[in-house]
All heavy atoms as atom14 arrays in JSON, in Angstrom:
{
  "sequence": "PPQDRFLALLDEHRKILYKVANAYCRNAEDRRDLVQEIVVQLWRSLP",
  "atom14_mask": [
    [1, 1, 1, 1, 1, 1, 1, 0, 0, 0, 0, 0, 0, 0],
    [1, 1, 1, 1, 1, 1, 1, 0, 0, 0, 0, 0, 0, 0],
    [1, 1, 1, 1, 1, 1, 1, 1, 1, 0, 0, 0, 0, 0],
    [1, 1, 1, 1, 1, 1, 1, 1, 0, 0, 0, 0, 0, 0],
    [1, 1, 1, 1, 1, 1, 1, 1, 1, 1, 1, 0, 0, 0],
    [1, 1, 1, 1, 1, 1, 1, 1, 1, 1, 1, 0, 0, 0],
    [1, 1, 1, 1, 1, 1, 1, 1, 0, 0, 0, 0, 0, 0],
    [1, 1, 1, 1, 1, 0, 0, 0, 0, 0, 0, 0, 0, 0],
    [1, 1, 1, 1, 1, 1, 1, 1, 0, 0, 0, 0, 0, 0],
    [1, 1, 1, 1, 1, 1, 1, 1, 0, 0, 0, 0, 0, 0],
    [1, 1, 1, 1, 1, 1, 1, 1, 0, 0, 0, 0, 0, 0],
    [1, 1, 1, 1, 1, 1, 1, 1, 1, 0, 0, 0, 0, 0],
    [1, 1, 1, 1, 1, 1, 1, 1, 1, 1, 0, 0, 0, 0],
    [1, 1, 1, 1, 1, 1, 1, 1, 1, 1, 1, 0, 0, 0],
    [1, 1, 1, 1, 1, 1, 1, 1, 1, 0, 0, 0, 0, 0],
    [1, 1, 1, 1, 1, 1, 1, 1, 0, 0, 0, 0, 0, 0],
    [1, 1, 1, 1, 1, 1, 1, 1, 0, 0, 0, 0, 0, 0],
    [1, 1, 1, 1, 1, 1, 1, 1, 1, 1, 1, 1, 0, 0],
    [1, 1, 1, 1, 1, 1, 1, 1, 1, 0, 0, 0, 0, 0],
    [1, 1, 1, 1, 1, 1, 1, 0, 0, 0, 0, 0, 0, 0],
    [1, 1, 1, 1, 1, 0, 0, 0, 0, 0, 0, 0, 0, 0],
    [1, 1, 1, 1, 1, 1, 1, 1, 0, 0, 0, 0, 0, 0],
    [1, 1, 1, 1, 1, 0, 0, 0, 0, 0, 0, 0, 0, 0],
    [1, 1, 1, 1, 1, 1, 1, 1, 1, 1, 1, 1, 0, 0],
    [1, 1, 1, 1, 1, 1, 0, 0, 0, 0, 0, 0, 0, 0],
    [1, 1, 1, 1, 1, 1, 1, 1, 1, 1, 1, 0, 0, 0],
    [1, 1, 1, 1, 1, 1, 1, 1, 0, 0, 0, 0, 0, 0],
    [1, 1, 1, 1, 1, 0, 0, 0, 0, 0, 0, 0, 0, 0],
    [1, 1, 1, 1, 1, 1, 1, 1, 1, 0, 0, 0, 0, 0],
    [1, 1, 1, 1, 1, 1, 1, 1, 0, 0, 0, 0, 0, 0],
    [1, 1, 1, 1, 1, 1, 1, 1, 1, 1, 1, 0, 0, 0],
    [1, 1, 1, 1, 1, 1, 1, 1, 1, 1, 1, 0, 0, 0],
    [1, 1, 1, 1, 1, 1, 1, 1, 0, 0, 0, 0, 0, 0],
    [1, 1, 1, 1, 1, 1, 1, 1, 0, 0, 0, 0, 0, 0],
    [1, 1, 1, 1, 1, 1, 1, 0, 0, 0, 0, 0, 0, 0],
    [1, 1, 1, 1, 1, 1, 1, 1, 1, 0, 0, 0, 0, 0],
    [1, 1, 1, 1, 1, 1, 1, 1, 1, 0, 0, 0, 0, 0],
    [1, 1, 1, 1, 1, 1, 1, 1, 0, 0, 0, 0, 0, 0],
    [1, 1, 1, 1, 1, 1, 1, 0, 0, 0, 0, 0, 0, 0],
    [1, 1, 1, 1, 1, 1, 1, 0, 0, 0, 0, 0, 0, 0],
    [1, 1, 1, 1, 1, 1, 1, 1, 1, 0, 0, 0, 0, 0],
    [1, 1, 1, 1, 1, 1, 1, 1, 0, 0, 0, 0, 0, 0],
    [1, 1, 1, 1, 1, 1, 1, 1, 1, 1, 1, 1, 1, 1],
    [1, 1, 1, 1, 1, 1, 1, 1, 1, 1, 1, 0, 0, 0],
    [1, 1, 1, 1, 1, 1, 0, 0, 0, 0, 0, 0, 0, 0],
    [1, 1, 1, 1, 1, 1, 1, 1, 0, 0, 0, 0, 0, 0],
    [1, 1, 1, 1, 1, 1, 1, 0, 0, 0, 0, 0, 0, 0]
  ],
  "atom14_positions": [
    [[63.85, 142.58, 54.27], [63.76, 141.12, 54.14], [63.94, 140.46, 55.51], [64.68, 140.97, 56.36], [64.93, 140.77, 53.21], [65.29, 142.04, 52.53], [64.91, 143.15, 53.46], [0.0, 0.0, 0.0], [0.0, 0.0, 0.0], [0.0, 0.0, 0.0], [0.0, 0.0, 0.0], [0.0, 0.0, 0.0], [0.0, 0.0, 0.0], [0.0, 0.0, 0.0]],
    [[63.27, 139.33, 55.73], [63.36, 138.66, 57.03], [64.8, 138.37, 57.47], [65.13, 138.52, 58.64], [62.59, 137.35, 56.82], [61.72, 137.58, 55.65], [62.41, 138.62, 54.8], [0.0, 0.0, 0.0], [0.0, 0.0, 0.0], [0.0, 0.0, 0.0], [0.0, 0.0, 0.0], [0.0, 0.0, 0.0], [0.0, 0.0, 0.0], [0.0, 0.0, 0.0]],
    [[65.65, 138.0, 56.54], [67.04, 137.69, 56.89], [67.75, 138.94, 57.42], [68.44, 138.87, 58.43], [67.79, 137.13, 55.7], [69.24, 136.82, 56.02], [69.98, 136.23, 54.83], [69.38, 135.59, 53.99], [71.27, 136.47, 54.78], [0.0, 0.0, 0.0], [0.0, 0.0, 0.0], [0.0, 0.0, 0.0], [0.0, 0.0, 0.0], [0.0, 0.0, 0.0]],
    [[67.56, 140.08, 56.76], [68.2, 141.32, 57.21], [67.67, 141.76, 58.57], [68.43, 142.19, 59.44], [67.97, 142.44, 56.19], [68.71, 142.19, 54.88], [69.59, 141.3, 54.84], [68.39, 142.87, 53.89], [0.0, 0.0, 0.0], [0.0, 0.0, 0.0], [0.0, 0.0, 0.0], [0.0, 0.0, 0.0], [0.0, 0.0, 0.0], [0.0, 0.0, 0.0]],
    [[66.37, 141.64, 58.76], [65.77, 141.98, 60.04], [66.31, 141.08, 61.14], [66.66, 141.53, 62.23], [64.25, 141.83, 59.93], [63.53, 142.32, 61.14], [62.01, 142.33, 60.86], [61.34, 142.15, 62.12], [60.96, 140.98, 62.63], [61.16, 139.87, 61.96], [60.36, 140.91, 63.79], [0.0, 0.0, 0.0], [0.0, 0.0, 0.0], [0.0, 0.0, 0.0]],
    [[66.38, 139.79, 60.85], [66.91, 138.82, 61.81], [68.35, 139.15, 62.18], [68.71, 139.16, 63.36], [66.81, 137.4, 61.24], [67.42, 136.34, 62.12], [66.78, 135.95, 63.29], [68.61, 135.74, 61.78], [67.33, 134.97, 64.1], [69.17, 134.76, 62.58], [68.52, 134.37, 63.75], [0.0, 0.0, 0.0], [0.0, 0.0, 0.0], [0.0, 0.0, 0.0]],
    [[69.17, 139.44, 61.18], [70.57, 139.76, 61.44], [70.71, 141.02, 62.29], [71.57, 141.09, 63.17], [71.34, 139.92, 60.12], [71.55, 138.63, 59.33], [72.14, 138.94, 57.96], [72.44, 137.67, 60.1], [0.0, 0.0, 0.0], [0.0, 0.0, 0.0], [0.0, 0.0, 0.0], [0.0, 0.0, 0.0], [0.0, 0.0, 0.0], [0.0, 0.0, 0.0]],
    [[69.88, 142.0, 62.04], [69.93, 143.23, 62.82], [69.54, 142.97, 64.28], [70.2, 143.44, 65.21], [69.0, 144.29, 62.21], [0.0, 0.0, 0.0], [0.0, 0.0, 0.0], [0.0, 0.0, 0.0], [0.0, 0.0, 0.0], [0.0, 0.0, 0.0], [0.0, 0.0, 0.0], [0.0, 0.0, 0.0], [0.0, 0.0, 0.0], [0.0, 0.0, 0.0]],
    [[68.48, 142.21, 64.48], [68.05, 141.87, 65.84], [69.1, 141.0, 66.54], [69.38, 141.18, 67.72], [66.7, 141.16, 65.81], [65.5, 142.02, 65.48], [64.27, 141.16, 65.19], [65.21, 142.99, 66.62], [0.0, 0.0, 0.0], [0.0, 0.0, 0.0], [0.0, 0.0, 0.0], [0.0, 0.0, 0.0], [0.0, 0.0, 0.0], [0.0, 0.0, 0.0]],
    [[69.66, 140.08, 65.81], [70.69, 139.2, 66.36], [71.91, 140.01, 66.79], [72.45, 139.81, 67.88], [71.09, 138.15, 65.33], [72.01, 137.04, 65.78], [71.37, 136.21, 66.87], [72.36, 136.16, 64.6], [0.0, 0.0, 0.0], [0.0, 0.0, 0.0], [0.0, 0.0, 0.0], [0.0, 0.0, 0.0], [0.0, 0.0, 0.0], [0.0, 0.0, 0.0]],
    [[72.3, 140.95, 65.97], [73.45, 141.78, 66.31], [73.15, 142.66, 67.52], [73.99, 142.83, 68.41], [73.85, 142.64, 65.1], [75.18, 143.33, 65.33], [76.16, 142.63, 65.69], [75.26, 144.55, 65.17], [0.0, 0.0, 0.0], [0.0, 0.0, 0.0], [0.0, 0.0, 0.0], [0.0, 0.0, 0.0], [0.0, 0.0, 0.0], [0.0, 0.0, 0.0]],
    [[71.95, 143.2, 67.57], [71.56, 144.06, 68.67], [71.54, 143.32, 70.02], [71.86, 143.89, 71.05], [70.16, 144.63, 68.4], [69.65, 145.56, 69.46], [68.25, 146.08, 69.14], [67.83, 146.0, 67.97], [67.58, 146.55, 70.07], [0.0, 0.0, 0.0], [0.0, 0.0, 0.0], [0.0, 0.0, 0.0], [0.0, 0.0, 0.0], [0.0, 0.0, 0.0]],
    [[71.19, 142.04, 69.99], [71.05, 141.26, 71.22], [72.09, 140.15, 71.34], [71.9, 139.2, 72.09], [69.65, 140.65, 71.28], [68.56, 141.67, 71.29], [68.27, 142.45, 72.38], [67.7, 142.06, 70.31], [67.28, 143.26, 72.1], [66.9, 143.06, 70.85], [0.0, 0.0, 0.0], [0.0, 0.0, 0.0], [0.0, 0.0, 0.0], [0.0, 0.0, 0.0]],
    [[73.2, 140.28, 70.66], [74.21, 139.22, 70.61], [74.78, 138.86, 71.97], [75.18, 137.74, 72.19], [75.32, 139.57, 69.63], [76.26, 140.65, 70.1], [77.44, 140.97, 69.19], [77.3, 140.69, 67.81], [77.87, 139.64, 67.15], [78.61, 138.82, 67.73], [77.69, 139.45, 65.89], [0.0, 0.0, 0.0], [0.0, 0.0, 0.0], [0.0, 0.0, 0.0]],
    [[74.8, 139.79, 72.9], [75.36, 139.5, 74.24], [74.6, 138.38, 74.93], [75.17, 137.64, 75.71], [75.39, 140.75, 75.1], [76.44, 141.75, 74.65], [76.49, 142.94, 75.57], [77.57, 143.9, 75.1], [77.69, 145.05, 75.98], [0.0, 0.0, 0.0], [0.0, 0.0, 0.0], [0.0, 0.0, 0.0], [0.0, 0.0, 0.0], [0.0, 0.0, 0.0]],
    [[73.31, 138.28, 74.65], [72.51, 137.21, 75.24], [73.11, 135.86, 74.87], [73.23, 134.96, 75.71], [71.04, 137.31, 74.78], [70.38, 138.55, 75.38], [70.26, 136.05, 75.14], [69.0, 138.87, 74.82], [0.0, 0.0, 0.0], [0.0, 0.0, 0.0], [0.0, 0.0, 0.0], [0.0, 0.0, 0.0], [0.0, 0.0, 0.0], [0.0, 0.0, 0.0]],
    [[73.49, 135.72, 73.6], [74.07, 134.46, 73.14], [75.29, 134.06, 73.95], [75.43, 132.92, 74.38], [74.47, 134.56, 71.66], [73.37, 134.84, 70.65], [73.98, 135.15, 69.29], [72.41, 133.68, 70.58], [0.0, 0.0, 0.0], [0.0, 0.0, 0.0], [0.0, 0.0, 0.0], [0.0, 0.0, 0.0], [0.0, 0.0, 0.0], [0.0, 0.0, 0.0]],
    [[76.16, 135.03, 74.17], [77.42, 134.73, 74.85], [77.23, 134.54, 76.35], [77.93, 133.74, 76.97], [78.45, 135.8, 74.52], [78.74, 135.79, 73.04], [78.27, 136.8, 72.21], [79.43, 134.74, 72.47], [78.5, 136.76, 70.84], [79.67, 134.69, 71.1], [79.19, 135.7, 70.3], [79.41, 135.65, 68.95], [0.0, 0.0, 0.0], [0.0, 0.0, 0.0]],
    [[76.28, 135.25, 76.94], [76.0, 135.04, 78.36], [75.52, 133.61, 78.6], [75.97, 132.94, 79.52], [74.94, 136.03, 78.85], [75.46, 137.43, 78.98], [74.34, 138.37, 79.36], [74.85, 139.79, 79.29], [73.8, 140.75, 79.52], [0.0, 0.0, 0.0], [0.0, 0.0, 0.0], [0.0, 0.0, 0.0], [0.0, 0.0, 0.0], [0.0, 0.0, 0.0]],
    [[74.62, 133.18, 77.77], [74.07, 131.83, 77.91], [75.16, 130.79, 77.63], [75.36, 129.85, 78.41], [72.85, 131.63, 76.99], [72.41, 130.18, 76.99], [71.71, 132.54, 77.43], [0.0, 0.0, 0.0], [0.0, 0.0, 0.0], [0.0, 0.0, 0.0], [0.0, 0.0, 0.0], [0.0, 0.0, 0.0], [0.0, 0.0, 0.0], [0.0, 0.0, 0.0]],
    [[75.89, 130.97, 76.55], [76.93, 130.0, 76.19], [78.02, 129.92, 77.26], [78.49, 128.84, 77.6], [77.55, 130.35, 74.84], [0.0, 0.0, 0.0], [0.0, 0.0, 0.0], [0.0, 0.0, 0.0], [0.0, 0.0, 0.0], [0.0, 0.0, 0.0], [0.0, 0.0, 0.0], [0.0, 0.0, 0.0], [0.0, 0.0, 0.0], [0.0, 0.0, 0.0]],
    [[78.41, 131.06, 77.81], [79.44, 131.05, 78.85], [78.96, 130.37, 80.13], [79.77, 129.8, 80.86], [79.9, 132.47, 79.16], [80.83, 133.0, 78.11], [81.7, 132.3, 77.63], [80.64, 134.25, 77.72], [0.0, 0.0, 0.0], [0.0, 0.0, 0.0], [0.0, 0.0, 0.0], [0.0, 0.0, 0.0], [0.0, 0.0, 0.0], [0.0, 0.0, 0.0]],
    [[77.68, 130.43, 80.38], [77.15, 129.79, 81.59], [77.05, 128.27, 81.45], [77.11, 127.55, 82.43], [75.79, 130.36, 81.92], [0.0, 0.0, 0.0], [0.0, 0.0, 0.0], [0.0, 0.0, 0.0], [0.0, 0.0, 0.0], [0.0, 0.0, 0.0], [0.0, 0.0, 0.0], [0.0, 0.0, 0.0], [0.0, 0.0, 0.0], [0.0, 0.0, 0.0]],
    [[76.91, 127.79, 80.22], [76.69, 126.36, 80.03], [77.87, 125.6, 79.44], [77.85, 124.37, 79.41], [75.44, 126.13, 79.17], [74.18, 126.36, 79.95], [73.61, 127.62, 80.04], [73.59, 125.32, 80.66], [72.48, 127.84, 80.8], [72.46, 125.53, 81.41], [71.9, 126.8, 81.48], [70.79, 127.02, 82.23], [0.0, 0.0, 0.0], [0.0, 0.0, 0.0]],
    [[78.89, 126.29, 78.99], [80.04, 125.61, 78.38], [81.33, 126.16, 78.95], [81.51, 127.37, 79.02], [80.05, 125.81, 76.87], [78.61, 125.13, 76.04], [0.0, 0.0, 0.0], [0.0, 0.0, 0.0], [0.0, 0.0, 0.0], [0.0, 0.0, 0.0], [0.0, 0.0, 0.0], [0.0, 0.0, 0.0], [0.0, 0.0, 0.0], [0.0, 0.0, 0.0]],
    [[82.23, 125.28, 79.29], [83.51, 125.7, 79.85], [84.55, 125.93, 78.75], [85.39, 126.78, 78.87], [84.03, 124.66, 80.84], [83.12, 124.51, 82.03], [83.86, 123.94, 83.21], [82.98, 123.6, 84.29], [82.47, 124.45, 85.15], [82.73, 125.72, 85.05], [81.68, 124.04, 86.12], [0.0, 0.0, 0.0], [0.0, 0.0, 0.0], [0.0, 0.0, 0.0]],
    [[84.5, 125.16, 77.71], [85.55, 125.29, 76.69], [85.06, 126.14, 75.51], [83.9, 126.15, 75.16], [86.05, 123.89, 76.36], [85.88, 123.36, 74.99], [85.5, 124.04, 74.06], [86.18, 122.09, 74.85], [0.0, 0.0, 0.0], [0.0, 0.0, 0.0], [0.0, 0.0, 0.0], [0.0, 0.0, 0.0], [0.0, 0.0, 0.0], [0.0, 0.0, 0.0]],
    [[85.99, 126.9, 74.95], [85.67, 127.9, 73.92], [85.02, 127.26, 72.69], [84.09, 127.84, 72.11], [86.92, 128.66, 73.52], [0.0, 0.0, 0.0], [0.0, 0.0, 0.0], [0.0, 0.0, 0.0], [0.0, 0.0, 0.0], [0.0, 0.0, 0.0], [0.0, 0.0, 0.0], [0.0, 0.0, 0.0], [0.0, 0.0, 0.0], [0.0, 0.0, 0.0]],
    [[85.48, 126.11, 72.29], [84.91, 125.46, 71.11], [83.46, 125.06, 71.35], [82.6, 125.25, 70.48], [85.74, 124.24, 70.72], [85.34, 123.67, 69.38], [86.34, 122.66, 68.88], [87.56, 122.91, 68.98], [85.89, 121.62, 68.39], [0.0, 0.0, 0.0], [0.0, 0.0, 0.0], [0.0, 0.0, 0.0], [0.0, 0.0, 0.0], [0.0, 0.0, 0.0]],
    [[83.17, 124.53, 72.53], [81.79, 124.18, 72.86], [80.91, 125.43, 72.91], [79.75, 125.4, 72.48], [81.71, 123.45, 74.2], [82.23, 122.03, 74.13], [82.36, 121.49, 73.01], [82.51, 121.45, 75.2], [0.0, 0.0, 0.0], [0.0, 0.0, 0.0], [0.0, 0.0, 0.0], [0.0, 0.0, 0.0], [0.0, 0.0, 0.0], [0.0, 0.0, 0.0]],
    [[81.45, 126.54, 73.43], [80.68, 127.79, 73.46], [80.34, 128.23, 72.04], [79.21, 128.64, 71.78], [81.46, 128.89, 74.19], [81.43, 128.75, 75.69], [81.96, 129.99, 76.38], [83.34, 130.29, 76.07], [84.39, 129.88, 76.78], [84.22, 129.15, 77.85], [85.61, 130.21, 76.42], [0.0, 0.0, 0.0], [0.0, 0.0, 0.0], [0.0, 0.0, 0.0]],
    [[81.32, 128.17, 71.15], [81.05, 128.56, 69.75], [79.98, 127.65, 69.14], [79.08, 128.12, 68.44], [82.33, 128.52, 68.93], [83.23, 129.71, 69.15], [84.37, 129.75, 68.15], [85.31, 128.65, 68.33], [86.34, 128.66, 69.18], [86.55, 129.71, 69.92], [87.14, 127.62, 69.28], [0.0, 0.0, 0.0], [0.0, 0.0, 0.0], [0.0, 0.0, 0.0]],
    [[80.09, 126.34, 69.4], [79.09, 125.4, 68.88], [77.7, 125.71, 69.43], [76.71, 125.69, 68.7], [79.47, 123.96, 69.23], [80.66, 123.46, 68.45], [81.06, 124.11, 67.46], [81.21, 122.41, 68.85], [0.0, 0.0, 0.0], [0.0, 0.0, 0.0], [0.0, 0.0, 0.0], [0.0, 0.0, 0.0], [0.0, 0.0, 0.0], [0.0, 0.0, 0.0]],
    [[77.64, 126.0, 70.73], [76.35, 126.3, 71.34], [75.77, 127.59, 70.77], [74.57, 127.65, 70.46], [76.48, 126.4, 72.87], [75.2, 126.78, 73.62], [74.04, 125.84, 73.29], [75.47, 126.81, 75.12], [0.0, 0.0, 0.0], [0.0, 0.0, 0.0], [0.0, 0.0, 0.0], [0.0, 0.0, 0.0], [0.0, 0.0, 0.0], [0.0, 0.0, 0.0]],
    [[76.58, 128.6, 70.6], [76.09, 129.86, 70.03], [75.52, 129.61, 68.63], [74.44, 130.08, 68.29], [77.2, 130.93, 69.99], [76.81, 132.11, 69.11], [77.52, 131.41, 71.4], [0.0, 0.0, 0.0], [0.0, 0.0, 0.0], [0.0, 0.0, 0.0], [0.0, 0.0, 0.0], [0.0, 0.0, 0.0], [0.0, 0.0, 0.0], [0.0, 0.0, 0.0]],
    [[76.22, 128.83, 67.84], [75.71, 128.52, 66.49], [74.41, 127.74, 66.56], [73.49, 128.0, 65.79], [76.76, 127.77, 65.68], [77.88, 128.66, 65.22], [78.83, 127.98, 64.26], [78.73, 126.79, 64.0], [79.74, 128.75, 63.71], [0.0, 0.0, 0.0], [0.0, 0.0, 0.0], [0.0, 0.0, 0.0], [0.0, 0.0, 0.0], [0.0, 0.0, 0.0]],
    [[74.31, 126.8, 67.47], [73.08, 126.02, 67.6], [71.92, 126.93, 68.03], [70.8, 126.8, 67.53], [73.26, 124.89, 68.61], [72.05, 124.0, 68.77], [71.67, 123.23, 67.51], [72.54, 123.0, 66.65], [70.49, 122.86, 67.39], [0.0, 0.0, 0.0], [0.0, 0.0, 0.0], [0.0, 0.0, 0.0], [0.0, 0.0, 0.0], [0.0, 0.0, 0.0]],
    [[72.19, 127.86, 68.92], [71.14, 128.81, 69.34], [70.69, 129.64, 68.15], [69.49, 129.84, 67.93], [71.63, 129.71, 70.49], [71.84, 128.89, 71.77], [70.63, 130.85, 70.74], [72.58, 129.64, 72.87], [0.0, 0.0, 0.0], [0.0, 0.0, 0.0], [0.0, 0.0, 0.0], [0.0, 0.0, 0.0], [0.0, 0.0, 0.0], [0.0, 0.0, 0.0]],
    [[71.64, 130.12, 67.36], [71.29, 130.94, 66.19], [70.45, 130.14, 65.2], [69.46, 130.64, 64.66], [72.56, 131.51, 65.51], [72.22, 132.16, 64.18], [73.23, 132.51, 66.43], [0.0, 0.0, 0.0], [0.0, 0.0, 0.0], [0.0, 0.0, 0.0], [0.0, 0.0, 0.0], [0.0, 0.0, 0.0], [0.0, 0.0, 0.0], [0.0, 0.0, 0.0]],
    [[70.81, 128.89, 64.98], [70.04, 128.04, 64.07], [68.61, 127.91, 64.58], [67.64, 128.05, 63.82], [70.7, 126.64, 63.91], [69.76, 125.66, 63.22], [72.0, 126.76, 63.13], [0.0, 0.0, 0.0], [0.0, 0.0, 0.0], [0.0, 0.0, 0.0], [0.0, 0.0, 0.0], [0.0, 0.0, 0.0], [0.0, 0.0, 0.0], [0.0, 0.0, 0.0]],
    [[68.45, 127.67, 65.89], [67.11, 127.52, 66.45], [66.33, 128.83, 66.39], [65.12, 128.82, 66.16], [67.2, 127.01, 67.9], [67.71, 125.59, 68.0], [66.88, 124.59, 67.2], [65.67, 124.71, 67.1], [67.56, 123.63, 66.6], [0.0, 0.0, 0.0], [0.0, 0.0, 0.0], [0.0, 0.0, 0.0], [0.0, 0.0, 0.0], [0.0, 0.0, 0.0]],
    [[67.01, 129.94, 66.61], [66.35, 131.23, 66.49], [65.85, 131.45, 65.06], [64.72, 131.9, 64.84], [67.3, 132.37, 66.89], [67.61, 132.5, 68.37], [68.81, 133.43, 68.57], [66.41, 133.0, 69.14], [0.0, 0.0, 0.0], [0.0, 0.0, 0.0], [0.0, 0.0, 0.0], [0.0, 0.0, 0.0], [0.0, 0.0, 0.0], [0.0, 0.0, 0.0]],
    [[66.69, 131.13, 64.1], [66.34, 131.3, 62.68], [65.14, 130.42, 62.33], [64.2, 130.85, 61.67], [67.54, 130.98, 61.81], [67.26, 131.08, 60.34], [67.24, 130.06, 59.44], [66.95, 132.25, 59.58], [66.94, 130.52, 58.18], [66.76, 131.87, 58.25], [66.81, 133.59, 59.92], [66.44, 132.77, 57.25], [66.48, 134.5, 58.91], [66.31, 134.08, 57.59]],
    [[65.18, 129.16, 62.79], [64.07, 128.24, 62.52], [62.77, 128.74, 63.15], [61.69, 128.53, 62.61], [64.37, 126.86, 63.11], [65.32, 126.03, 62.35], [65.45, 124.7, 63.06], [66.47, 123.87, 62.46], [67.02, 122.83, 63.06], [66.66, 122.5, 64.27], [67.93, 122.13, 62.44], [0.0, 0.0, 0.0], [0.0, 0.0, 0.0], [0.0, 0.0, 0.0]],
    [[62.89, 129.34, 64.32], [61.71, 129.77, 65.08], [61.21, 131.15, 64.7], [60.13, 131.55, 65.15], [62.03, 129.75, 66.58], [62.43, 128.46, 66.98], [0.0, 0.0, 0.0], [0.0, 0.0, 0.0], [0.0, 0.0, 0.0], [0.0, 0.0, 0.0], [0.0, 0.0, 0.0], [0.0, 0.0, 0.0], [0.0, 0.0, 0.0], [0.0, 0.0, 0.0]],
    [[61.97, 131.89, 63.93], [61.6, 133.27, 63.6], [60.18, 133.41, 63.04], [59.47, 134.34, 63.43], [62.62, 133.89, 62.64], [62.46, 135.38, 62.38], [62.64, 136.18, 63.67], [63.46, 135.85, 61.33], [0.0, 0.0, 0.0], [0.0, 0.0, 0.0], [0.0, 0.0, 0.0], [0.0, 0.0, 0.0], [0.0, 0.0, 0.0], [0.0, 0.0, 0.0]],
    [[59.73, 132.5, 62.18], [58.35, 132.66, 61.67], [57.29, 132.6, 62.78], [56.19, 133.1, 62.61], [58.19, 131.48, 60.7], [59.58, 131.13, 60.3], [60.43, 131.41, 61.49], [0.0, 0.0, 0.0], [0.0, 0.0, 0.0], [0.0, 0.0, 0.0], [0.0, 0.0, 0.0], [0.0, 0.0, 0.0], [0.0, 0.0, 0.0], [0.0, 0.0, 0.0]]
  ]
}
């Protein structure tokens, strides 16, 4: 299923999320928010 495939790819490449978030956000809460926003956009763009 697309959701399972997406989750597997997301887990495999999760470091990308944190590298980007750490470069653009200084505070931990903002980093978490940014990571979630990136995931939402990835999910929307998957098709």
